[in-house]
């Protein structure tokens, strides 16, 4: 009888500790954008089913969304926490341009692998950048993008996407702690609050790229993007 009671008590304790740890983890995740709320006008926070926040608002009158994705698909690689900054507004382009740094083939959060055409990397773009598109002949000329590609020289920059529906930069917010992942296979991240200035810079870059394409586009494409 006593061993049974002891086992039950131990199980209850484990459940209590697990729930407490999950509550702590969710509270920590909820703080990710706590220092960044003033980057966007009229910011709104919501949460996904893992407890990670996503933020919507506007920047210079343009709608913006920022969210995070946990990438733990590749077992031999430490999990990453990817920040996605997206301008959700029409862009003056007739095709998708997806520039990926160091693609592994496991980027489930990206349309990269599904785009059929690969383009040569311009000489003045980051050397390890791989470019995919769906319609090479409908893209603006490379020089329209070149002033905005420098962000991909940053070690944490992963991807730049430009489509008729928006502009996105994907950034590595953190990488899982090696000790926790190797021993327990838990993707624990050290970054609790993302840096405000970095988020502001990424949002600004997305908006400026959209503005550049609008200025350089033919009139009919500008009208469609403004509609």
Protein backbone atom coordinates (compact mmCIF):
# COMPACT_ATOMS: atom_id res chain seq x y z
CA UNK A 1 0.00 0.00 0.00
CA UNK A 2 2.75 2.44 0.98
CA UNK A 3 4.70 2.03 -2.29
CA UNK A 4 1.49 2.72 -4.21
CA UNK A 5 0.78 5.88 -2.24
CA UNK A 6 4.38 6.98 -2.68
CA UNK A 7 4.15 6.44 -6.43
CA UNK A 8 0.89 8.39 -6.63
CA UNK A 9 2.36 11.24 -4.58
CA UNK A 10 5.42 11.29 -6.83
CA UNK A 11 3.24 11.42 -9.94
CA UNK A 12 1.18 14.28 -8.53
CA UNK A 13 4.37 16.17 -7.70
CA UNK A 14 5.67 15.70 -11.24
CA UNK A 15 2.40 17.01 -12.68
CA UNK A 16 2.50 20.06 -10.41
CA UNK A 17 6.11 20.79 -11.32
CA UNK A 18 5.40 20.32 -15.03
CA UNK A 19 2.43 22.69 -14.96
CA UNK A 20 4.42 25.27 -13.02
CA UNK A 21 7.26 25.04 -15.51
CA UNK A 22 4.88 25.37 -18.47
CA UNK A 23 3.29 28.43 -16.88
CA UNK A 24 6.73 29.97 -16.37
CA UNK A 25 7.70 29.24 -19.98
CA UNK A 26 4.52 30.82 -21.34
CA UNK A 27 4.98 33.90 -19.17
CA UNK A 28 8.53 34.22 -20.47
CA UNK A 29 7.47 33.81 -24.10
CA UNK A 30 4.78 36.44 -23.68
CA UNK A 31 7.49 39.03 -22.93
CA UNK A 32 9.19 38.72 -26.33
CA UNK A 33 7.87 42.02 -27.75
CA UNK A 34 7.55 43.81 -24.40
CA UNK A 35 10.26 46.37 -25.26
CA UNK A 36 9.07 46.83 -28.85
CA UNK A 37 5.47 47.98 -28.55
CA UNK A 38 6.25 51.57 -29.52
CA UNK A 39 7.90 50.52 -32.80
CA UNK A 40 4.47 50.26 -34.44
CA UNK A 41 1.55 52.65 -34.34
CA UNK A 42 -1.54 51.22 -32.65
CA UNK A 43 0.17 47.93 -31.77
CA UNK A 44 -1.91 44.88 -30.95
CA UNK A 45 -0.62 41.68 -29.35
CA UNK A 46 -2.06 38.20 -29.67
CA UNK A 47 -0.65 34.75 -28.92
CA UNK A 48 -0.29 31.48 -30.80
CA UNK A 49 -1.07 28.10 -29.24
CA UNK A 50 2.55 27.77 -28.04
CA UNK A 51 2.29 31.00 -26.08
CA UNK A 52 4.46 33.06 -28.42
CA UNK A 53 3.19 36.56 -29.20
CA UNK A 54 2.64 38.17 -32.55
CA UNK A 55 2.30 41.89 -32.97
CA UNK A 56 0.40 43.89 -35.59
CA UNK A 57 0.23 47.61 -36.20
CA UNK A 58 1.48 50.13 -38.74
CA UNK A 59 4.70 51.95 -39.60
CA UNK A 60 4.52 55.14 -41.67
CA UNK A 61 0.94 54.19 -42.44
CA UNK A 62 1.84 50.72 -43.74
CA UNK A 63 0.44 47.60 -42.01
CA UNK A 64 3.11 45.43 -40.37
CA UNK A 65 3.10 42.08 -38.61
CA UNK A 66 5.91 40.62 -36.48
CA UNK A 67 5.82 37.04 -35.25
CA UNK A 68 8.16 34.21 -34.23
CA UNK A 69 8.57 30.62 -35.39
CA UNK A 70 10.38 27.80 -33.58
CA UNK A 71 12.41 25.68 -35.99
CA UNK A 72 13.39 22.31 -34.50
CA UNK A 73 12.96 20.19 -37.62
CA UNK A 74 16.59 19.16 -38.16
CA UNK A 75 17.70 16.91 -35.29
CA UNK A 76 21.43 17.42 -35.85
CA UNK A 77 21.08 21.19 -35.70
CA UNK A 78 20.28 23.39 -32.72
CA UNK A 79 16.71 24.76 -32.89
CA UNK A 80 16.31 28.38 -33.95
CA UNK A 81 13.80 31.02 -32.98
CA UNK A 82 13.03 32.94 -36.16
CA UNK A 83 11.56 36.43 -36.10
CA UNK A 84 9.49 37.28 -39.17
CA UNK A 85 8.89 40.95 -39.91
CA UNK A 86 6.31 41.41 -42.65
CA UNK A 87 4.92 44.45 -44.42
CA UNK A 88 1.40 43.33 -45.32
CA UNK A 89 0.64 45.71 -48.19
CA UNK A 90 0.69 45.55 -52.00
CA UNK A 91 4.14 45.85 -53.57
CA UNK A 92 5.04 47.07 -57.06
CA UNK A 93 6.21 43.72 -58.43
CA UNK A 94 4.64 41.05 -60.61
CA UNK A 95 6.61 38.14 -59.16
CA UNK A 96 8.06 36.71 -55.95
CA UNK A 97 11.72 37.23 -55.12
CA UNK A 98 13.01 35.01 -52.30
CA UNK A 99 16.62 35.50 -51.23
CA UNK A 100 17.75 32.86 -48.73
CA UNK A 101 21.02 32.67 -46.83
CA UNK A 102 22.46 29.20 -46.24
CA UNK A 103 19.33 27.22 -47.17
CA UNK A 104 19.17 23.73 -45.66
CA UNK A 105 16.05 22.51 -47.42
CA UNK A 106 14.13 22.32 -44.14
CA UNK A 107 12.82 25.91 -44.02
CA UNK A 108 9.17 25.00 -43.51
CA UNK A 109 8.38 28.62 -42.65
CA UNK A 110 9.35 29.82 -46.13
CA UNK A 111 8.01 29.51 -49.71
CA UNK A 112 11.61 29.23 -50.92
CA UNK A 113 11.64 25.53 -51.84
CA UNK A 114 8.39 25.81 -53.77
CA UNK A 115 9.57 28.54 -56.13
CA UNK A 116 10.61 26.88 -59.41
CA UNK A 117 13.32 29.16 -60.81
CA UNK A 118 16.78 29.86 -59.44
CA UNK A 119 18.57 33.04 -60.46
CA UNK A 120 22.27 33.82 -60.58
CA UNK A 121 23.42 35.85 -57.59
CA UNK A 122 24.53 39.36 -58.65
CA UNK A 123 28.18 40.11 -57.95
CA UNK A 124 27.40 42.86 -55.44
CA UNK A 125 24.94 40.74 -53.42
CA UNK A 126 25.99 38.54 -50.47
CA UNK A 127 28.07 35.67 -51.85
CA UNK A 128 26.09 32.90 -50.12
CA UNK A 129 22.68 34.25 -51.09
CA UNK A 130 20.51 31.85 -53.08
CA UNK A 131 17.72 33.43 -55.14
CA UNK A 132 14.45 31.78 -56.13
CA UNK A 133 11.47 33.21 -57.98
CA UNK A 134 8.28 32.13 -59.70
CA UNK A 135 8.52 34.42 -62.75
CA UNK A 136 12.03 35.70 -63.60
CA UNK A 137 10.79 37.87 -66.45
CA UNK A 138 8.30 39.72 -64.24
CA UNK A 139 10.73 40.86 -61.57
CA UNK A 140 12.05 44.41 -61.26
CA UNK A 141 15.74 44.68 -62.27
CA UNK A 142 18.30 43.50 -59.68
CA UNK A 143 19.55 47.05 -59.11
CA UNK A 144 16.14 47.96 -57.67
CA UNK A 145 16.79 45.52 -54.82
CA UNK A 146 20.55 45.96 -54.42
CA UNK A 147 20.52 48.92 -51.96
CA UNK A 148 18.31 46.87 -49.63
CA UNK A 149 20.16 43.55 -49.77
CA UNK A 150 22.89 44.58 -47.31
CA UNK A 151 20.78 43.37 -44.38
CA UNK A 152 21.55 39.80 -45.50
CA UNK A 153 25.24 40.38 -44.76
CA UNK A 154 24.31 40.27 -41.08
CA UNK A 155 25.07 36.83 -39.56
CA UNK A 156 21.57 36.51 -38.11
CA UNK A 157 19.74 37.45 -41.32
CA UNK A 158 18.11 34.44 -42.95
CA UNK A 159 15.76 35.55 -45.70
CA UNK A 160 14.33 38.45 -47.66
CA UNK A 161 11.05 37.92 -49.51
CA UNK A 162 9.40 40.40 -51.86
CA UNK A 163 6.05 39.51 -53.37
CA UNK A 164 3.06 41.37 -54.81
CA UNK A 165 1.48 41.04 -51.36
CA UNK A 166 4.27 42.24 -49.10
CA UNK A 167 7.89 42.32 -47.96
CA UNK A 168 9.39 40.07 -45.29
CA UNK A 169 12.70 39.74 -43.48
CA UNK A 170 13.41 36.60 -41.46
CA UNK A 171 15.91 37.04 -38.63
CA UNK A 172 17.39 34.58 -36.13
CA UNK A 173 16.24 35.94 -32.79
CA UNK A 174 17.98 33.17 -30.86
CA UNK A 175 19.42 29.67 -30.98
CA UNK A 176 18.56 27.01 -28.39
CA UNK A 177 20.89 26.34 -25.50
CA UNK A 178 23.17 23.49 -26.52
CA UNK A 179 23.21 21.76 -23.11
CA UNK A 180 19.42 21.62 -22.75
CA UNK A 181 18.88 20.44 -26.28
CA UNK A 182 21.58 17.76 -26.34
CA UNK A 183 20.53 16.26 -23.01
CA UNK A 184 16.78 16.82 -22.87
CA UNK A 185 15.86 17.70 -26.48
CA UNK A 186 14.25 20.89 -25.17
CA UNK A 187 14.39 24.05 -27.29
CA UNK A 188 15.05 26.59 -24.54
CA UNK A 189 16.00 30.08 -25.70
CA UNK A 190 17.87 32.76 -23.75
CA UNK A 191 16.38 35.81 -25.47
CA UNK A 192 13.36 36.86 -23.40
CA UNK A 193 12.79 40.36 -24.79
CA UNK A 194 13.75 41.19 -28.35
CA UNK A 195 15.83 44.30 -28.93
CA UNK A 196 13.69 47.32 -29.79
CA UNK A 197 16.24 49.01 -32.04
CA UNK A 198 16.77 45.86 -34.04
CA UNK A 199 13.04 45.41 -34.64
CA UNK A 200 12.72 49.06 -35.65
CA UNK A 201 15.57 48.64 -38.13
CA UNK A 202 14.03 45.52 -39.70
CA UNK A 203 10.61 47.14 -40.03
CA UNK A 204 12.16 50.27 -41.54
CA UNK A 205 14.08 48.21 -44.09
CA UNK A 206 10.94 46.39 -45.22
CA UNK A 207 9.00 49.63 -45.62
CA UNK A 208 11.85 51.37 -47.46
CA UNK A 209 12.20 48.49 -49.90
CA UNK A 210 8.50 48.67 -50.69
CA UNK A 211 8.77 52.44 -51.20
CA UNK A 212 11.77 52.05 -53.52
CA UNK A 213 9.95 49.58 -55.75
CA UNK A 214 6.91 51.86 -55.88
CA UNK A 215 9.04 54.81 -57.05
CA UNK A 216 10.84 52.83 -59.74
CA UNK A 217 7.91 50.80 -61.08
CA UNK A 218 6.04 51.51 -64.32
CA UNK A 219 2.88 53.54 -63.85
CA UNK A 220 0.48 50.63 -64.33
CA UNK A 221 2.23 48.56 -61.65
CA UNK A 222 2.30 51.54 -59.27
CA UNK A 223 -1.44 51.93 -59.69
CA UNK A 224 -2.04 48.24 -58.91
CA UNK A 225 0.18 48.39 -55.81
CA UNK A 226 -1.63 51.48 -54.55
CA UNK A 227 -5.08 49.99 -55.11
